[in-house]
Amino acid sequence: MKHNFLQLEAEVFRVLKTIFDPEIPVNIYDLGLIYEVDVDDYNNCDIKMTLTAPNCPVADDLVKEVHDKSAAVEGIEKVTVDLVFEPAWDKSMMSEEAQLELGML
């Protein structure tokens, strides 16, 4: 089955919304930890993400889960996850839904 990159990006976003920071009951997408998802013409997926704190104890687990779940999307050939800390994450990056969930609005 042929996929276009927009369908693949949408599916990657869908699976990213199933990944939760174990310390916060909100998915990593709504937390604002996913900065960029880019699927190229060859169905390779590059993801730029951050963490709520550079010394996050589950950093390796979260990056691995992002990689593995994105790589499992049908049609994706290769996944690269870049862990970045610029710009630094802050609470304003959270979706309104996440802020409501956490009682911040």
N, C-alpha and C. Protein backbone atom coordinates (compact mmCIF):
# COMPACT_ATOMS: atom_id res chain seq x y z
N MET A 1 0.84 -1.18 0.00
CA MET A 1 0.00 0.00 0.00
C MET A 1 0.88 1.25 0.00
N LYS A 2 0.60 2.16 -0.91
CA LYS A 2 1.39 3.40 -1.01
C LYS A 2 0.84 4.43 -0.04
N HIS A 3 1.75 5.08 0.68
CA HIS A 3 1.37 6.12 1.62
C HIS A 3 2.00 7.42 1.15
N ASN A 4 1.29 8.52 1.36
CA ASN A 4 1.98 9.78 1.12
C ASN A 4 2.51 10.30 2.44
N PHE A 5 3.44 11.22 2.37
CA PHE A 5 4.12 11.66 3.58
C PHE A 5 3.18 12.35 4.55
N LEU A 6 2.12 13.00 4.07
CA LEU A 6 1.18 13.65 4.99
C LEU A 6 0.40 12.61 5.79
N GLN A 7 0.00 11.52 5.15
CA GLN A 7 -0.66 10.43 5.87
C GLN A 7 0.27 9.83 6.90
N LEU A 8 1.53 9.62 6.52
CA LEU A 8 2.50 9.04 7.44
C LEU A 8 2.78 9.97 8.61
N GLU A 9 2.92 11.27 8.34
CA GLU A 9 3.12 12.22 9.44
C GLU A 9 1.93 12.20 10.40
N ALA A 10 0.72 12.16 9.85
CA ALA A 10 -0.48 12.13 10.69
C ALA A 10 -0.49 10.88 11.56
N GLU A 11 -0.07 9.76 11.00
CA GLU A 11 -0.04 8.51 11.76
C GLU A 11 1.05 8.55 12.84
N VAL A 12 2.19 9.14 12.52
CA VAL A 12 3.25 9.28 13.53
C VAL A 12 2.74 10.17 14.67
N PHE A 13 2.09 11.28 14.34
CA PHE A 13 1.52 12.13 15.39
C PHE A 13 0.54 11.35 16.25
N ARG A 14 -0.28 10.49 15.61
CA ARG A 14 -1.26 9.70 16.35
C ARG A 14 -0.57 8.79 17.36
N VAL A 15 0.51 8.12 16.94
CA VAL A 15 1.18 7.21 17.88
C VAL A 15 1.94 7.98 18.95
N LEU A 16 2.45 9.16 18.62
CA LEU A 16 3.15 9.95 19.63
C LEU A 16 2.19 10.36 20.76
N LYS A 17 0.92 10.52 20.42
CA LYS A 17 -0.07 10.88 21.43
C LYS A 17 -0.44 9.72 22.34
N THR A 18 0.14 8.53 22.08
CA THR A 18 -0.09 7.37 22.96
C THR A 18 1.06 7.18 23.95
N ILE A 19 2.06 8.06 23.87
CA ILE A 19 3.24 7.96 24.74
C ILE A 19 3.11 8.97 25.87
N PHE A 20 3.25 8.50 27.08
CA PHE A 20 3.07 9.36 28.25
C PHE A 20 4.36 9.45 29.05
N ASP A 21 4.63 10.65 29.55
CA ASP A 21 5.69 10.83 30.53
C ASP A 21 5.19 10.14 31.78
N PRO A 22 5.94 9.21 32.36
CA PRO A 22 5.43 8.44 33.50
C PRO A 22 5.15 9.29 34.74
N GLU A 23 5.70 10.49 34.80
CA GLU A 23 5.48 11.34 35.96
C GLU A 23 4.33 12.31 35.78
N ILE A 24 3.83 12.45 34.56
CA ILE A 24 2.77 13.42 34.26
C ILE A 24 1.69 12.70 33.45
N PRO A 25 0.43 12.81 33.86
CA PRO A 25 -0.63 12.05 33.16
C PRO A 25 -1.10 12.70 31.86
N VAL A 26 -0.16 13.14 31.04
CA VAL A 26 -0.45 13.79 29.77
C VAL A 26 0.51 13.23 28.74
N ASN A 27 0.02 13.03 27.50
CA ASN A 27 0.91 12.48 26.47
C ASN A 27 1.99 13.49 26.09
N ILE A 28 3.10 12.99 25.55
CA ILE A 28 4.26 13.84 25.28
C ILE A 28 3.99 14.88 24.19
N TYR A 29 3.05 14.59 23.29
CA TYR A 29 2.71 15.58 22.25
C TYR A 29 2.01 16.78 22.89
N ASP A 30 0.99 16.50 23.70
CA ASP A 30 0.26 17.60 24.34
C ASP A 30 1.11 18.32 25.38
N LEU A 31 2.12 17.64 25.91
CA LEU A 31 3.05 18.31 26.83
C LEU A 31 3.95 19.30 26.09
N GLY A 32 4.01 19.18 24.78
CA GLY A 32 4.85 20.07 24.00
C GLY A 32 6.27 19.57 23.86
N LEU A 33 6.48 18.28 24.08
CA LEU A 33 7.83 17.73 24.00
C LEU A 33 8.25 17.39 22.57
N ILE A 34 7.29 17.32 21.66
CA ILE A 34 7.60 17.04 20.26
C ILE A 34 7.69 18.36 19.52
N TYR A 35 8.88 18.70 19.06
CA TYR A 35 9.09 19.97 18.37
C TYR A 35 8.84 19.86 16.88
N GLU A 36 9.15 18.70 16.30
CA GLU A 36 9.03 18.57 14.85
C GLU A 36 8.94 17.11 14.45
N VAL A 37 8.08 16.84 13.47
CA VAL A 37 8.02 15.53 12.82
C VAL A 37 8.07 15.81 11.33
N ASP A 38 9.03 15.19 10.66
CA ASP A 38 9.20 15.41 9.23
C ASP A 38 9.39 14.07 8.54
N VAL A 39 8.50 13.78 7.61
CA VAL A 39 8.62 12.56 6.80
C VAL A 39 9.02 13.01 5.40
N ASP A 40 10.13 12.46 4.89
CA ASP A 40 10.61 12.86 3.57
C ASP A 40 10.00 12.00 2.47
N ASP A 41 10.44 12.26 1.24
CA ASP A 41 9.90 11.56 0.07
C ASP A 41 10.23 10.08 0.06
N TYR A 42 11.18 9.66 0.91
CA TYR A 42 11.57 8.26 0.98
C TYR A 42 10.96 7.57 2.20
N ASN A 43 10.03 8.26 2.84
CA ASN A 43 9.32 7.75 4.04
C ASN A 43 10.23 7.57 5.25
N ASN A 44 11.32 8.36 5.28
CA ASN A 44 12.16 8.42 6.47
C ASN A 44 11.58 9.50 7.38
N CYS A 45 11.57 9.24 8.65
CA CYS A 45 10.95 10.13 9.62
C CYS A 45 11.99 10.70 10.57
N ASP A 46 12.08 12.02 10.62
CA ASP A 46 12.96 12.70 11.57
C ASP A 46 12.09 13.38 12.62
N ILE A 47 12.39 13.12 13.87
CA ILE A 47 11.63 13.69 14.98
C ILE A 47 12.59 14.47 15.87
N LYS A 48 12.21 15.71 16.16
CA LYS A 48 12.96 16.51 17.13
C LYS A 48 12.08 16.61 18.37
N MET A 49 12.67 16.24 19.49
CA MET A 49 11.91 16.27 20.74
C MET A 49 12.79 16.78 21.87
N THR A 50 12.16 17.12 22.96
CA THR A 50 12.87 17.56 24.14
C THR A 50 12.30 16.84 25.35
N LEU A 51 12.77 17.21 26.51
CA LEU A 51 12.29 16.65 27.77
C LEU A 51 11.89 17.81 28.68
N THR A 52 11.09 17.52 29.68
CA THR A 52 10.70 18.57 30.61
C THR A 52 11.90 19.09 31.38
N ALA A 53 12.92 18.26 31.56
CA ALA A 53 14.15 18.66 32.24
C ALA A 53 15.31 17.86 31.66
N PRO A 54 16.48 18.48 31.49
CA PRO A 54 17.63 17.76 30.90
C PRO A 54 18.04 16.52 31.68
N ASN A 55 17.80 16.49 32.97
CA ASN A 55 18.19 15.34 33.78
C ASN A 55 17.04 14.38 34.03
N CYS A 56 16.07 14.37 33.13
CA CYS A 56 14.89 13.51 33.24
C CYS A 56 15.33 12.05 33.41
N PRO A 57 14.87 11.39 34.48
CA PRO A 57 15.31 10.01 34.74
C PRO A 57 14.82 8.99 33.71
N VAL A 58 13.79 9.32 32.94
CA VAL A 58 13.27 8.38 31.95
C VAL A 58 13.63 8.79 30.52
N ALA A 59 14.62 9.65 30.37
CA ALA A 59 14.99 10.18 29.05
C ALA A 59 15.23 9.06 28.04
N ASP A 60 16.07 8.11 28.38
CA ASP A 60 16.40 7.04 27.44
C ASP A 60 15.17 6.23 27.07
N ASP A 61 14.33 5.94 28.06
CA ASP A 61 13.11 5.16 27.81
C ASP A 61 12.15 5.92 26.89
N LEU A 62 11.97 7.21 27.12
CA LEU A 62 11.06 8.00 26.29
C LEU A 62 11.56 8.08 24.85
N VAL A 63 12.84 8.35 24.67
CA VAL A 63 13.40 8.44 23.32
C VAL A 63 13.26 7.10 22.60
N LYS A 64 13.52 6.01 23.29
CA LYS A 64 13.38 4.68 22.69
C LYS A 64 11.92 4.40 22.32
N GLU A 65 10.99 4.77 23.20
CA GLU A 65 9.57 4.54 22.91
C GLU A 65 9.12 5.38 21.71
N VAL A 66 9.57 6.64 21.63
CA VAL A 66 9.25 7.49 20.48
C VAL A 66 9.79 6.84 19.20
N HIS A 67 11.03 6.38 19.24
CA HIS A 67 11.63 5.74 18.08
C HIS A 67 10.86 4.48 17.69
N ASP A 68 10.66 3.59 18.66
CA ASP A 68 10.07 2.28 18.35
C ASP A 68 8.64 2.40 17.86
N LYS A 69 7.84 3.24 18.50
CA LYS A 69 6.44 3.37 18.07
C LYS A 69 6.34 4.06 16.71
N SER A 70 7.20 5.03 16.46
CA SER A 70 7.18 5.70 15.15
C SER A 70 7.67 4.75 14.06
N ALA A 71 8.69 3.96 14.37
CA ALA A 71 9.23 3.01 13.39
C ALA A 71 8.21 1.91 13.06
N ALA A 72 7.28 1.65 13.97
CA ALA A 72 6.28 0.61 13.75
C ALA A 72 5.12 1.08 12.86
N VAL A 73 5.08 2.37 12.54
CA VAL A 73 4.03 2.88 11.65
C VAL A 73 4.23 2.28 10.27
N GLU A 74 3.18 1.67 9.75
CA GLU A 74 3.27 1.03 8.43
C GLU A 74 3.62 2.07 7.38
N GLY A 75 4.68 1.79 6.62
CA GLY A 75 5.11 2.69 5.56
C GLY A 75 6.35 3.50 5.93
N ILE A 76 6.63 3.64 7.21
CA ILE A 76 7.83 4.37 7.63
C ILE A 76 9.04 3.47 7.42
N GLU A 77 10.06 4.01 6.76
CA GLU A 77 11.26 3.23 6.46
C GLU A 77 12.29 3.32 7.58
N LYS A 78 12.60 4.53 8.01
CA LYS A 78 13.66 4.74 8.99
C LYS A 78 13.26 5.91 9.88
N VAL A 79 13.60 5.82 11.16
CA VAL A 79 13.28 6.89 12.11
C VAL A 79 14.56 7.37 12.77
N THR A 80 14.71 8.68 12.85
CA THR A 80 15.79 9.32 13.59
C THR A 80 15.14 10.23 14.62
N VAL A 81 15.52 10.05 15.88
CA VAL A 81 15.01 10.90 16.95
C VAL A 81 16.16 11.75 17.46
N ASP A 82 16.01 13.05 17.34
CA ASP A 82 17.01 13.98 17.85
C ASP A 82 16.49 14.58 19.14
N LEU A 83 17.22 14.38 20.21
CA LEU A 83 16.88 14.95 21.51
C LEU A 83 17.57 16.31 21.60
N VAL A 84 16.77 17.37 21.68
CA VAL A 84 17.32 18.73 21.70
C VAL A 84 16.87 19.45 22.96
N PHE A 85 17.63 20.44 23.35
CA PHE A 85 17.27 21.23 24.53
C PHE A 85 17.19 22.73 24.21
N GLU A 86 17.20 23.06 22.92
CA GLU A 86 17.00 24.43 22.47
C GLU A 86 15.87 24.41 21.47
N PRO A 87 14.82 25.14 21.63
CA PRO A 87 14.57 25.96 22.82
C PRO A 87 14.25 25.08 24.03
N ALA A 88 14.56 25.60 25.19
CA ALA A 88 14.27 24.87 26.42
C ALA A 88 12.75 24.76 26.58
N TRP A 89 12.30 23.61 27.05
CA TRP A 89 10.87 23.38 27.27
C TRP A 89 10.39 24.22 28.46
N ASP A 90 9.18 24.75 28.32
CA ASP A 90 8.53 25.35 29.48
C ASP A 90 7.02 25.11 29.37
N LYS A 91 6.32 25.40 30.43
CA LYS A 91 4.90 25.05 30.52
C LYS A 91 4.04 25.70 29.44
N SER A 92 4.50 26.80 28.87
CA SER A 92 3.72 27.47 27.83
C SER A 92 3.65 26.64 26.55
N MET A 93 4.48 25.64 26.41
CA MET A 93 4.48 24.78 25.22
C MET A 93 3.40 23.70 25.28
N MET A 94 2.78 23.56 26.44
CA MET A 94 1.74 22.55 26.60
C MET A 94 0.48 22.99 25.88
N SER A 95 -0.26 22.02 25.36
CA SER A 95 -1.54 22.34 24.74
C SER A 95 -2.50 22.83 25.82
N GLU A 96 -3.52 23.54 25.39
CA GLU A 96 -4.53 24.01 26.33
C GLU A 96 -5.19 22.82 27.03
N GLU A 97 -5.39 21.74 26.27
CA GLU A 97 -5.97 20.52 26.84
C GLU A 97 -5.11 19.97 27.97
N ALA A 98 -3.79 19.96 27.76
CA ALA A 98 -2.88 19.45 28.78
C ALA A 98 -2.89 20.36 30.01
N GLN A 99 -2.93 21.66 29.78
CA GLN A 99 -2.96 22.61 30.90
C GLN A 99 -4.24 22.44 31.71
N LEU A 100 -5.36 22.20 31.02
CA LEU A 100 -6.62 21.94 31.73
C LEU A 100 -6.53 20.67 32.53
N GLU A 101 -5.97 19.62 31.92
CA GLU A 101 -5.83 18.31 32.59
C GLU A 101 -5.03 18.44 33.88
N LEU A 102 -4.02 19.29 33.87
CA LEU A 102 -3.16 19.46 35.01
C LEU A 102 -3.60 20.59 35.94
N GLY A 103 -4.79 21.18 35.66
CA GLY A 103 -5.32 22.22 36.51
C GLY A 103 -4.54 23.51 36.46
N MET A 104 -3.95 23.81 35.30
CA MET A 104 -3.13 25.01 35.18
C MET A 104 -3.88 26.16 34.55
N LEU A 105 -5.12 25.94 34.11
CA LEU A 105 -5.93 27.02 33.50
C LEU A 105 -7.10 27.34 34.39
